[in-house]
C-alpha atoms as a PDB file:
ATOM      1  CA  MET A   1     138.799 135.178  89.095  1.00  0.00           C
ATOM      2  CA  ARG A   2     139.071 131.460  88.925  1.00  0.00           C
ATOM      3  CA  SER A   3     140.002 130.760  92.715  1.00  0.00           C
ATOM      4  CA  LEU A   4     137.148 132.915  93.413  1.00  0.00           C
ATOM      5  CA  ALA A   5     135.233 130.986  91.165  1.00  0.00           C
ATOM      6  CA  ARG A   6     136.530 127.427  92.056  1.00  0.00           C
ATOM      7  CA  ALA A   7     135.609 128.428  95.503  1.00  0.00           C
ATOM      8  CA  VAL A   8     132.141 129.359  95.512  1.00  0.00           C
ATOM      9  CA  VAL A   9     130.795 126.176  93.530  1.00  0.00           C
ATOM     10  CA  VAL A  10     133.362 123.908  96.421  1.00  0.00           C
ATOM     11  CA  GLY A  11     131.328 125.887  98.735  1.00  0.00           C
ATOM     12  CA  ALA A  12     127.953 125.487  97.256  1.00  0.00           C
ATOM     13  CA  ILE A  13     128.503 121.670  97.072  1.00  0.00           C
ATOM     14  CA  PHE A  14     129.698 121.841 100.564  1.00  0.00           C
ATOM     15  CA  LEU A  15     126.204 123.007 101.220  1.00  0.00           C
ATOM     16  CA  ALA A  16     124.486 121.031  99.534  1.00  0.00           C
ATOM     17  CA  ALA A  17     126.076 118.108 101.133  1.00  0.00           C
ATOM     18  CA  LEU A  18     125.321 119.524 104.572  1.00  0.00           C
ATOM     19  CA  LEU A  19     121.322 120.156 103.436  1.00  0.00           C
ATOM     20  CA  LEU A  20     121.119 116.607 102.091  1.00  0.00           C
ATOM     21  CA  ALA A  21     122.889 115.258 105.211  1.00  0.00           C
ATOM     22  CA  ALA A  22     120.117 117.102 107.317  1.00  0.00           C
ATOM     23  CA  ALA A  23     117.034 116.352 105.207  1.00  0.00           C
ATOM     24  CA  SER A  24     118.283 112.189 106.018  1.00  0.00           C
ATOM     25  CA  TRP A  25     118.732 112.406 109.850  1.00  0.00           C
ATOM     26  CA  ALA A  26     116.597 110.422 111.373  1.00  0.00           C
ATOM     27  CA  GLY A  27     115.005 110.805 114.186  1.00  0.00           C
ATOM     28  CA  GLU A  28     112.514 109.177 117.044  1.00  0.00           C
ATOM     29  CA  ILE A  29     109.515 110.569 118.845  1.00  0.00           C
ATOM     30  CA  LYS A  30     108.415 108.794 122.360  1.00  0.00           C
ATOM     31  CA  GLY A  31     105.641 109.848 124.041  1.00  0.00           C
ATOM     32  CA  LYS A  32     103.345 108.657 127.485  1.00  0.00           C
ATOM     33  CA  VAL A  33      99.813 108.940 126.325  1.00  0.00           C
ATOM     34  CA  SER A  34      97.595 109.444 129.595  1.00  0.00           C
ATOM     35  CA  VAL A  35      93.823 109.523 129.616  1.00  0.00           C
ATOM     36  CA  GLN A  36      90.687 110.971 131.013  1.00  0.00           C
ATOM     37  CA  GLY A  37      87.474 109.064 131.639  1.00  0.00           C
ATOM     38  CA  LEU A  38      89.058 105.951 129.750  1.00  0.00           C
ATOM     39  CA  LYS A  39      89.460 102.850 131.253  1.00  0.00           C
ATOM     40  CA  SER A  40      92.853 102.240 130.087  1.00  0.00           C
ATOM     41  CA  ALA A  41      95.592 104.209 128.201  1.00  0.00           C
ATOM     42  CA  GLU A  42      96.436 100.884 126.285  1.00  0.00           C
ATOM     43  CA  ASN A  43      96.066  99.796 122.458  1.00  0.00           C
ATOM     44  CA  ILE A  44      95.510 104.040 121.770  1.00  0.00           C
ATOM     45  CA  ALA A  45      96.981 104.115 117.610  1.00  0.00           C
ATOM     46  CA  VAL A  46      99.710 107.253 117.682  1.00  0.00           C
ATOM     47  CA  TYR A  47     100.648 108.671 114.029  1.00  0.00           C
ATOM     48  CA  VAL A  48     101.947 111.154 111.753  1.00  0.00           C
ATOM     49  CA  GLU A  49      98.712 113.082 109.410  1.00  0.00           C
ATOM     50  CA  ALA A  50      99.373 112.921 106.016  1.00  0.00           C
ATOM     51  CA  ILE A  51     102.322 115.233 104.933  1.00  0.00           C
ATOM     52  CA  PRO A  52     101.628 117.357 101.586  1.00  0.00           C
ATOM     53  CA  GLY A  53     103.112 116.350  98.665  1.00  0.00           C
ATOM     54  CA  LYS A  54     104.599 113.365 100.126  1.00  0.00           C
ATOM     55  CA  LYS A  55     103.314 109.621  99.645  1.00  0.00           C
ATOM     56  CA  PHE A  56     104.442 106.378 100.504  1.00  0.00           C
ATOM     57  CA  PRO A  57     105.007 103.117  99.024  1.00  0.00           C
ATOM     58  CA  PRO A  58     102.826 100.623 100.503  1.00  0.00           C
ATOM     59  CA  PRO A  59     105.541  97.737 102.511  1.00  0.00           C
ATOM     60  CA  ALA A  60     105.221  94.071 100.241  1.00  0.00           C
ATOM     61  CA  GLU A  61     105.425  91.951 103.352  1.00  0.00           C
ATOM     62  CA  HIS A  62     101.664  91.323 104.536  1.00  0.00           C
ATOM     63  CA  LEU A  63     100.726  91.817 108.170  1.00  0.00           C
ATOM     64  CA  THR A  64      98.965  89.303 110.293  1.00  0.00           C
ATOM     65  CA  ILE A  65      96.737  90.215 112.527  1.00  0.00           C
ATOM     66  CA  ASP A  66      95.706  86.695 114.340  1.00  0.00           C
ATOM     67  CA  GLN A  67      92.163  85.309 116.334  1.00  0.00           C
ATOM     68  CA  ARG A  68      93.429  83.654 119.249  1.00  0.00           C
ATOM     69  CA  ARG A  69      91.630  82.649 122.508  1.00  0.00           C
ATOM     70  CA  MET A  70      88.781  84.329 121.399  1.00  0.00           C
ATOM     71  CA  ALA A  71      90.187  87.944 120.396  1.00  0.00           C
ATOM     72  CA  PHE A  72      92.246  89.770 117.793  1.00  0.00           C
ATOM     73  CA  VAL A  73      95.489  89.879 118.293  1.00  0.00           C
ATOM     74  CA  PRO A  74      96.944  92.384 118.062  1.00  0.00           C
ATOM     75  CA  LYS A  75      93.656  94.389 119.598  1.00  0.00           C
ATOM     76  CA  VAL A  76      94.864  97.655 117.429  1.00  0.00           C
ATOM     77  CA  THR A  77      96.925  97.419 114.146  1.00  0.00           C
ATOM     78  CA  VAL A  78      98.167 100.623 112.424  1.00  0.00           C
ATOM     79  CA  VAL A  79      98.785 100.086 108.825  1.00  0.00           C
ATOM     80  CA  LEU A  80     100.279 102.538 105.972  1.00  0.00           C
ATOM     81  CA  GLN A  81      97.173 102.841 103.074  1.00  0.00           C
ATOM     82  CA  GLY A  82      98.118  99.979 100.623  1.00  0.00           C
ATOM     83  CA  THR A  83      98.985  97.415 103.283  1.00  0.00           C
ATOM     84  CA  THR A  84      97.632  94.267 103.059  1.00  0.00           C
ATOM     85  CA  VAL A  85      96.521  92.403 106.093  1.00  0.00           C
ATOM     86  CA  ASP A  86      96.676  88.802 106.601  1.00  0.00           C
ATOM     87  CA  PHE A  87      93.435  87.383 109.068  1.00  0.00           C
ATOM     88  CA  LEU A  88      94.439  83.942 110.641  1.00  0.00           C
ATOM     89  CA  ASN A  89      92.680  81.726 112.849  1.00  0.00           C
ATOM     90  CA  SER A  90      94.301  80.143 115.429  1.00  0.00           C
ATOM     91  CA  ASP A  91      91.746  78.818 117.439  1.00  0.00           C
ATOM     92  CA  SER A  92      90.187  75.084 117.135  1.00  0.00           C
ATOM     93  CA  VAL A  93      86.839  77.244 116.356  1.00  0.00           C
ATOM     94  CA  ALA A  94      85.495  78.880 113.782  1.00  0.00           C
ATOM     95  CA  HIS A  95      86.087  82.970 113.207  1.00  0.00           C
ATOM     96  CA  ASN A  96      84.348  85.386 111.087  1.00  0.00           C
ATOM     97  CA  VAL A  97      85.703  89.061 110.552  1.00  0.00           C
ATOM     98  CA  TYR A  98      83.622  91.763 109.628  1.00  0.00           C
ATOM     99  CA  TRP A  99      83.929  95.593 109.195  1.00  0.00           C
ATOM    100  CA  PRO A 100      81.019  97.865 108.991  1.00  0.00           C
ATOM    101  CA  SER A 101      82.384 100.267 107.378  1.00  0.00           C
ATOM    102  CA  ILE A 102      85.838 101.873 107.078  1.00  0.00           C
ATOM    103  CA  GLY A 103      86.486 105.599 108.256  1.00  0.00           C
ATOM    104  CA  GLY A 104      82.572 106.169 108.818  1.00  0.00           C
ATOM    105  CA  ASN A 105      82.007 105.004 104.956  1.00  0.00           C
ATOM    106  CA  LYS A 106      79.797 102.264 105.088  1.00  0.00           C
ATOM    107  CA  LYS A 107      79.986 101.268 101.486  1.00  0.00           C
ATOM    108  CA  LEU A 108      83.386 100.501 102.493  1.00  0.00           C
ATOM    109  CA  ALA A 109      81.947  97.351 105.036  1.00  0.00           C
ATOM    110  CA  HIS A 110      83.377  94.266 103.960  1.00  0.00           C
ATOM    111  CA  ASN A 111      82.791  90.683 105.390  1.00  0.00           C
ATOM    112  CA  LEU A 112      85.570  88.055 104.663  1.00  0.00           C
ATOM    113  CA  GLY A 113      83.186  85.105 105.587  1.00  0.00           C
ATOM    114  CA  THR A 114      83.870  82.485 108.224  1.00  0.00           C
ATOM    115  CA  TRP A 115      87.181  80.083 108.314  1.00  0.00           C
ATOM    116  CA  PRO A 116      88.682  76.792 110.468  1.00  0.00           C
ATOM    117  CA  LYS A 117      91.971  77.128 112.498  1.00  0.00           C
ATOM    118  CA  GLY A 118      94.749  77.431 110.955  1.00  0.00           C
ATOM    119  CA  GLU A 119      93.484  79.416 107.539  1.00  0.00           C
ATOM    120  CA  LYS A 120      93.948  83.042 106.785  1.00  0.00           C
ATOM    121  CA  LYS A 121      92.504  85.544 104.222  1.00  0.00           C
ATOM    122  CA  PRO A 122      94.294  88.622 103.215  1.00  0.00           C
ATOM    123  CA  PHE A 123      92.804  91.541 102.385  1.00  0.00           C
ATOM    124  CA  GLN A 124      94.760  95.373 100.906  1.00  0.00           C
ATOM    125  CA  PHE A 125      93.659  98.310 102.762  1.00  0.00           C
ATOM    126  CA  ASN A 126      93.159 101.202 100.122  1.00  0.00           C
ATOM    127  CA  GLU A 127      90.992 103.534 102.028  1.00  0.00           C
ATOM    128  CA  LEU A 128      91.809 106.034 104.958  1.00  0.00           C
ATOM    129  CA  GLY A 129      90.066 105.696 107.878  1.00  0.00           C
ATOM    130  CA  VAL A 130      89.752 103.501 111.143  1.00  0.00           C
ATOM    131  CA  ALA A 131      87.964  99.795 110.234  1.00  0.00           C
ATOM    132  CA  SER A 132      86.700  98.387 113.601  1.00  0.00           C
ATOM    133  CA  LEU A 133      86.772  94.480 113.247  1.00  0.00           C
ATOM    134  CA  LEU A 134      83.734  92.576 114.807  1.00  0.00           C
ATOM    135  CA  CYS A 135      83.120  88.507 114.056  1.00  0.00           C
ATOM    136  CA  ASN A 136      79.979  87.580 113.789  1.00  0.00           C
ATOM    137  CA  VAL A 137      80.388  84.121 115.599  1.00  0.00           C
ATOM    138  CA  HIS A 138      81.465  85.489 118.503  1.00  0.00           C
ATOM    139  CA  PRO A 139      80.042  89.076 118.847  1.00  0.00           C
ATOM    140  CA  GLU A 140      81.991  90.165 121.962  1.00  0.00           C
ATOM    141  CA  MET A 141      85.346  89.888 119.804  1.00  0.00           C
ATOM    142  CA  SER A 142      86.167  93.596 118.971  1.00  0.00           C
ATOM    143  CA  GLY A 143      89.483  95.140 117.457  1.00  0.00           C
ATOM    144  CA  ALA A 144      91.065  97.784 115.018  1.00  0.00           C
ATOM    145  CA  VAL A 145      92.364  98.406 111.843  1.00  0.00           C
ATOM    146  CA  VAL A 146      94.016 102.014 111.738  1.00  0.00           C
ATOM    147  CA  VAL A 147      94.723 102.782 107.935  1.00  0.00           C
ATOM    148  CA  VAL A 148      96.907 105.980 107.778  1.00  0.00           C
ATOM    149  CA  ALA A 149      98.878 107.817 105.153  1.00  0.00           C
ATOM    150  CA  THR A 150     102.139 107.679 106.326  1.00  0.00           C
ATOM    151  CA  PRO A 151     104.580 105.175 107.563  1.00  0.00           C
ATOM    152  CA  TYR A 152     105.275 106.847 111.278  1.00  0.00           C
ATOM    153  CA  PHE A 153     102.724 105.143 113.318  1.00  0.00           C
ATOM    154  CA  GLY A 154     103.260 103.478 117.141  1.00  0.00           C
ATOM    155  CA  VAL A 155     100.670 101.901 119.197  1.00  0.00           C
ATOM    156  CA  THR A 156     100.269 102.677 123.201  1.00  0.00           C
ATOM    157  CA  ASP A 157     101.384 100.056 125.570  1.00  0.00           C
ATOM    158  CA  SER A 158      99.852  99.209 129.066  1.00  0.00           C
ATOM    159  CA  ASP A 159     101.063 102.010 130.469  1.00  0.00           C
ATOM    160  CA  GLY A 160     100.101 104.454 127.701  1.00  0.00           C
ATOM    161  CA  ARG A 161     103.587 104.394 126.453  1.00  0.00           C
ATOM    162  CA  PHE A 162     104.578 104.342 122.604  1.00  0.00           C
ATOM    163  CA  GLU A 163     107.645 105.227 119.945  1.00  0.00           C
ATOM    164  CA  ILE A 164     107.835 106.138 116.354  1.00  0.00           C
ATOM    165  CA  LYS A 165     110.940 105.375 115.008  1.00  0.00           C
ATOM    166  CA  ASN A 166     113.011 106.659 111.668  1.00  0.00           C
ATOM    167  CA  ILE A 167     111.253 109.798 111.485  1.00  0.00           C
ATOM    168  CA  PRO A 168     112.995 112.603 109.257  1.00  0.00           C
ATOM    169  CA  ALA A 169     113.714 116.301 110.594  1.00  0.00           C
ATOM    170  CA  GLY A 170     111.061 118.544 110.305  1.00  0.00           C
ATOM    171  CA  THR A 171     107.857 119.714 111.763  1.00  0.00           C
ATOM    172  CA  TYR A 172     104.856 117.746 111.882  1.00  0.00           C
ATOM    173  CA  THR A 173     101.233 116.980 113.234  1.00  0.00           C
ATOM    174  CA  LEU A 174     100.542 113.858 115.282  1.00  0.00           C
ATOM    175  CA  LYS A 175      96.954 112.638 116.052  1.00  0.00           C
ATOM    176  CA  THR A 176      95.541 109.918 117.852  1.00  0.00           C
ATOM    177  CA  TRP A 177      92.902 107.433 117.723  1.00  0.00           C
ATOM    178  CA  SER A 178      91.376 105.133 120.326  1.00  0.00           C
ATOM    179  CA  GLU A 179      88.227 103.559 121.003  1.00  0.00           C
ATOM    180  CA  ASP A 180      86.424 105.058 123.508  1.00  0.00           C
ATOM    181  CA  GLY A 181      88.235 108.655 123.339  1.00  0.00           C
ATOM    182  CA  LYS A 182      88.159 111.363 121.189  1.00  0.00           C
ATOM    183  CA  MET A 183      91.029 112.412 118.582  1.00  0.00           C
ATOM    184  CA  THR A 184      93.988 114.329 120.304  1.00  0.00           C
ATOM    185  CA  THR A 185      96.183 116.750 117.879  1.00  0.00           C
ATOM    186  CA  GLN A 186      99.521 118.007 119.014  1.00  0.00           C
ATOM    187  CA  SER A 187     102.336 119.249 116.487  1.00  0.00           C
ATOM    188  CA  VAL A 188     105.939 117.990 116.801  1.00  0.00           C
ATOM    189  CA  THR A 189     109.028 119.225 115.782  1.00  0.00           C
ATOM    190  CA  VAL A 190     111.286 115.871 115.161  1.00  0.00           C
ATOM    191  CA  GLY A 191     115.698 116.678 114.976  1.00  0.00           C
ATOM    192  CA  ALA A 192     118.333 114.089 114.560  1.00  0.00           C
ATOM    193  CA  ASP A 193     117.787 113.187 118.808  1.00  0.00           C
ATOM    194  CA  VAL A 194     114.777 112.015 120.249  1.00  0.00           C
ATOM    195  CA  SER A 195     111.631 113.852 120.512  1.00  0.00           C
ATOM    196  CA  ASN A 196     109.687 113.373 123.679  1.00  0.00           C
ATOM    197  CA  VAL A 197     105.689 114.144 123.692  1.00  0.00           C
ATOM    198  CA  ASP A 198     102.725 113.857 125.893  1.00  0.00           C
ATOM    199  CA  LEU A 199      99.468 113.959 124.647  1.00  0.00           C
ATOM    200  CA  THR A 200      96.009 113.223 127.101  1.00  0.00           C
ATOM    201  CA  VAL A 201      92.605 112.122 125.620  1.00  0.00           C
ATOM    202  CA  LYS A 202      89.367 112.289 126.756  1.00  0.00           C
ATOM    203  CA  LYS A 203      86.531 110.007 126.546  1.00  0.00           C
END
C-alpha cells in the first residue's frame, strides 16, 4: 500500500514537472507580411493581442526614438503598455513632437514642445493604442508609437519579414497595424519550435 502511495506521489511530481517545463518552453514566430494596395510592406507592426488574465510589467529601461535627418527613427516603434520613451533630437535644427490622439482618443493628445539638438524628453505611454507622431516645425515628418498589452511584438523590415521571440507555448491572436492599411488578425499556435506565419495587409 505504501509502495503504491509512493508511486502515485512520484508520478504526480513527475507530471507536475512536465507541465511546468511545457509551460516554460519559449517559442518563436517568424513570418512575412504581403501587402495589397500599399506602397511597401516595411514598418508594419505585428503583435500578440492582450492575453486574458495576463498582465506584464513594463521594462525599467527607456526606449529611444530619435529625430535624425528630418525623420523619426525608427519610424514605427512598438512598446509594451507603461513603457517610457525618450524622444531625442539629433538634428542641428529644433524639433517638436506631438500626437493628436492615442487610439483615436483626442483627450490623450499631447505636445512635448520644441527642443534643440542633443536634448531629449521622456514620455510614459500608459494607454493602449497608436500615437501618430508629428512635428509642428516640419510637417513632412511622421512616425508612430504602437502601445500594446503584451511584450510579444515585431516590426517588418523592407521585405515584410518579422520575428517575435521568447513566446511561451500557447495559442494566440496576432494583429497588425500599418499607417495606410487595414488591421489583419490571425490565430497562431506557438510550440517549442519556430511557428511560421504569412499575413496579408490590404489598403
